[in-house]
Amino acid sequence: MTRLLLATRNAGKLVELQRLLVAADLGEVEVLGLRDVPEFPEAPETGATFAENALAKARDAATATGLPAVADDSGLAVDALNGMPGVLSARWSGKHGDDLANLELLLGQLADVPDERRGAAFVCAAALVVPGGTEVIEHGEWRGRLIRAPRGTNGFGYDPIFVPEGEQRSSAELEPVEKDAASHRGRAMRALLPHLGALAG
């Protein structure tokens, strides 16, 4: 059986990525998270782009464990903020991973922005690193608009204020399978699937 490490401690991301791999029916692949392997030093996310951060995380994980590793870096690019928070999405309020503080700060910054100028996109870069071999990066983007108050309890991060194009519900009101089919992470991971299938094969 092929063992694949998803280099994340974010439980929401791990569940999403595991669902995508199961749905792809790649055969005998055992998916592990960082909690399933011995701890190793993780470099801080200092890249200027999602791709740089994803590749650094996957390289660290593959080097430390000897396992093929997938890592993603993703965030929200807001048109009215010139693409910010971007790579700073998870720590926009100053503290990494405080979803509520990040969301409230962003809503405050956009308070005076009219509805027609509240366009945004979730962006994801997903990297696969095979020890001594392949390095692949794929990208996904999910366009939409930002609403003025959170709605829904599915998802995490900025999902409750993001309404995808062609949809009336927020990302956090979508069923998991609907989100996987459309999301930035779903698109980036599906682009990686042929490479992951080669590992399993």
Protein backbone atom coordinates (compact mmCIF):
# COMPACT_ATOMS: atom_id res chain seq x y z
CA MET A 1 0.00 0.00 0.00
CA THR A 2 1.26 3.49 -0.88
CA ARG A 3 1.48 5.88 2.05
CA LEU A 4 0.92 9.56 1.30
CA LEU A 5 1.51 12.36 3.80
CA LEU A 6 -0.73 15.40 3.70
CA ALA A 7 1.45 18.01 5.37
CA THR A 8 -1.15 19.87 7.40
CA ARG A 9 -2.30 20.18 11.00
CA ASN A 10 -5.49 21.94 9.90
CA ALA A 11 -8.21 19.36 10.64
CA GLY A 12 -10.62 20.97 8.16
CA LYS A 13 -8.10 20.80 5.33
CA LEU A 14 -7.15 17.22 6.17
CA VAL A 15 -10.77 16.08 6.02
CA GLU A 16 -11.28 17.91 2.70
CA LEU A 17 -8.14 16.48 1.13
CA GLN A 18 -8.92 12.96 2.33
CA ARG A 19 -12.44 13.21 0.84
CA LEU A 20 -11.00 14.26 -2.52
CA LEU A 21 -8.54 11.37 -2.61
CA VAL A 22 -11.20 8.83 -1.62
CA ALA A 23 -13.56 10.19 -4.30
CA ALA A 24 -10.81 9.84 -6.90
CA ASP A 25 -10.54 6.12 -6.11
CA LEU A 26 -6.77 5.98 -6.45
CA GLY A 27 -6.57 2.43 -5.17
CA GLU A 28 -4.49 1.44 -2.17
CA VAL A 29 -3.36 4.79 -0.76
CA GLU A 30 -3.12 5.33 2.98
CA VAL A 31 -3.44 9.03 3.77
CA LEU A 32 -1.55 10.33 6.81
CA GLY A 33 -1.54 13.77 8.44
CA LEU A 34 1.27 15.43 10.38
CA ARG A 35 -0.20 14.08 13.61
CA ASP A 36 0.43 10.54 12.31
CA VAL A 37 4.21 10.94 11.89
CA PRO A 38 7.01 11.86 14.31
CA GLU A 39 7.35 15.62 14.76
CA PHE A 40 9.96 17.44 12.71
CA PRO A 41 10.96 21.11 12.48
CA GLU A 42 8.59 22.94 10.15
CA ALA A 43 9.92 26.07 8.48
CA PRO A 44 7.73 29.18 8.84
CA GLU A 45 5.65 30.18 5.83
CA THR A 46 7.77 33.01 4.50
CA GLY A 47 7.15 32.60 0.76
CA ALA A 48 5.81 35.50 -1.27
CA THR A 49 3.44 33.20 -3.16
CA PHE A 50 1.12 30.29 -2.39
CA ALA A 51 3.27 28.06 -4.62
CA GLU A 52 6.48 28.87 -2.71
CA ASN A 53 4.84 28.08 0.63
CA ALA A 54 3.22 24.85 -0.58
CA LEU A 55 6.46 23.58 -2.11
CA ALA A 56 8.48 24.42 1.01
CA LYS A 57 6.00 22.57 3.25
CA ALA A 58 5.92 19.50 0.98
CA ARG A 59 9.74 19.42 0.71
CA ASP A 60 10.15 19.64 4.50
CA ALA A 61 7.67 16.82 5.06
CA ALA A 62 9.11 14.54 2.37
CA THR A 63 12.69 15.08 3.58
CA ALA A 64 11.81 14.49 7.23
CA THR A 65 9.66 11.38 6.73
CA GLY A 66 10.83 9.79 3.48
CA LEU A 67 7.20 9.69 2.36
CA PRO A 68 5.65 11.30 -0.72
CA ALA A 69 4.14 14.50 0.64
CA VAL A 70 1.37 16.81 -0.52
CA ALA A 71 1.02 20.30 0.92
CA ASP A 72 -1.17 23.18 -0.04
CA ASP A 73 -1.16 26.86 0.68
CA SER A 74 -4.32 28.78 0.08
CA GLY A 75 -6.05 31.97 0.95
CA LEU A 76 -8.45 34.69 -0.04
CA ALA A 77 -7.57 37.38 -2.57
CA VAL A 78 -9.92 40.37 -2.25
CA ASP A 79 -10.23 42.65 -5.29
CA ALA A 80 -10.83 45.82 -3.24
CA LEU A 81 -7.68 45.08 -1.17
CA ASN A 82 -5.43 44.53 -4.21
CA GLY A 83 -5.35 40.76 -3.69
CA MET A 84 -4.83 40.82 0.07
CA PRO A 85 -4.93 39.08 2.51
CA GLY A 86 -3.49 36.55 0.05
CA VAL A 87 -0.64 34.51 1.59
CA LEU A 88 -1.36 36.27 4.91
CA SER A 89 -4.95 34.97 5.04
CA ALA A 90 -4.45 32.62 8.01
CA ARG A 91 -2.76 35.33 10.09
CA TRP A 92 -4.48 38.48 8.80
CA SER A 93 -5.44 39.59 12.32
CA GLY A 94 -1.90 38.99 13.60
CA LYS A 95 -2.41 35.58 15.20
CA HIS A 96 -2.13 32.48 13.02
CA GLY A 97 -5.31 30.44 12.63
CA ASP A 98 -7.73 32.70 14.53
CA ASP A 99 -10.54 32.31 11.98
CA LEU A 100 -13.04 34.54 13.75
CA ALA A 101 -10.60 37.42 14.32
CA ASN A 102 -9.40 37.22 10.70
CA LEU A 103 -12.95 37.24 9.37
CA GLU A 104 -14.07 40.12 11.59
CA LEU A 105 -11.04 42.22 10.68
CA LEU A 106 -11.66 41.67 6.97
CA LEU A 107 -15.36 42.55 7.26
CA GLY A 108 -14.37 45.75 9.10
CA GLN A 109 -11.91 46.68 6.37
CA LEU A 110 -14.59 46.18 3.71
CA ALA A 111 -17.42 47.90 5.61
CA ASP A 112 -17.52 50.89 3.22
CA VAL A 113 -16.99 48.87 0.03
CA PRO A 114 -20.22 48.67 -2.01
CA ASP A 115 -21.65 45.26 -2.88
CA GLU A 116 -20.71 45.53 -6.56
CA ARG A 117 -17.02 45.92 -5.64
CA ARG A 118 -16.79 43.02 -3.18
CA GLY A 119 -15.34 40.49 -5.64
CA ALA A 120 -12.83 37.97 -4.35
CA ALA A 121 -11.27 34.61 -5.12
CA PHE A 122 -10.06 31.72 -3.04
CA VAL A 123 -6.68 30.66 -4.45
CA CYS A 124 -4.80 27.42 -3.80
CA ALA A 125 -1.42 26.00 -4.78
CA ALA A 126 -0.95 22.28 -4.12
CA ALA A 127 2.51 20.70 -4.26
CA LEU A 128 3.55 17.06 -4.44
CA VAL A 129 7.12 16.14 -3.53
CA VAL A 130 8.37 12.57 -3.89
CA PRO A 131 11.67 11.97 -2.05
CA GLY A 132 14.46 11.85 -4.62
CA GLY A 133 12.01 12.37 -7.46
CA THR A 134 9.04 14.36 -8.66
CA GLU A 135 8.12 17.90 -7.65
CA VAL A 136 4.81 19.13 -9.05
CA ILE A 137 2.75 22.25 -8.30
CA GLU A 138 -0.84 22.77 -9.43
CA HIS A 139 -3.15 25.75 -8.93
CA GLY A 140 -6.87 26.29 -8.41
CA GLU A 141 -9.03 29.41 -8.18
CA TRP A 142 -12.64 29.88 -7.03
CA ARG A 143 -14.22 33.25 -7.86
CA GLY A 144 -17.06 34.83 -5.92
CA ARG A 145 -18.09 37.80 -3.79
CA LEU A 146 -17.99 38.66 -0.10
CA ILE A 147 -21.17 39.20 1.90
CA ARG A 148 -21.48 41.45 4.95
CA ALA A 149 -22.24 38.86 7.65
CA PRO A 150 -21.23 35.21 8.11
CA ARG A 151 -23.66 32.47 7.04
CA GLY A 152 -23.35 28.70 7.48
CA THR A 153 -21.37 26.29 9.61
CA ASN A 154 -19.70 24.00 7.06
CA GLY A 155 -16.12 24.87 6.19
CA PHE A 156 -13.66 27.11 7.99
CA GLY A 157 -11.72 30.34 7.58
CA TYR A 158 -13.47 32.84 5.32
CA ASP A 159 -16.03 30.30 3.99
CA PRO A 160 -18.99 31.90 5.85
CA ILE A 161 -18.62 35.23 4.00
CA PHE A 162 -17.71 33.89 0.52
CA VAL A 163 -20.50 33.34 -2.01
CA PRO A 164 -19.21 31.54 -5.13
CA GLU A 165 -20.13 32.79 -8.61
CA GLY A 166 -23.53 31.50 -9.72
CA GLU A 167 -24.50 30.62 -6.13
CA GLN A 168 -26.71 32.27 -3.51
CA ARG A 169 -25.35 30.24 -0.59
CA SER A 170 -22.06 30.93 1.13
CA SER A 171 -19.26 28.40 0.87
CA ALA A 172 -20.04 27.45 4.48
CA GLU A 173 -23.65 26.63 3.48
CA LEU A 174 -22.63 24.18 0.74
CA GLU A 175 -22.61 20.45 1.33
CA PRO A 176 -19.06 19.06 1.54
CA VAL A 177 -19.37 17.21 -1.78
CA GLU A 178 -20.60 20.42 -3.49
CA LYS A 179 -17.69 22.38 -2.08
CA ASP A 180 -15.14 19.77 -3.13
CA ALA A 181 -16.47 19.83 -6.70
CA ALA A 182 -16.06 23.60 -7.06
CA SER A 183 -13.46 24.82 -4.59
CA HIS A 184 -9.98 26.16 -5.22
CA ARG A 185 -8.49 23.29 -3.20
CA GLY A 186 -10.62 20.73 -5.04
CA ARG A 187 -9.42 22.07 -8.40
CA ALA A 188 -5.75 22.13 -7.40
CA MET A 189 -5.89 18.65 -5.88
CA ARG A 190 -7.73 17.16 -8.87
CA ALA A 191 -4.95 18.54 -11.07
CA LEU A 192 -2.48 16.59 -8.89
CA LEU A 193 -4.45 13.33 -9.11
CA PRO A 194 -2.71 11.94 -12.22
CA HIS A 195 0.64 12.29 -10.40
CA LEU A 196 -0.80 10.70 -7.23
CA GLY A 197 -2.28 7.90 -9.33
CA ALA A 198 1.17 7.17 -10.74
CA LEU A 199 2.42 6.70 -7.17
CA ALA A 200 -0.38 4.27 -6.36
CA GLY A 201 0.09 2.44 -9.63
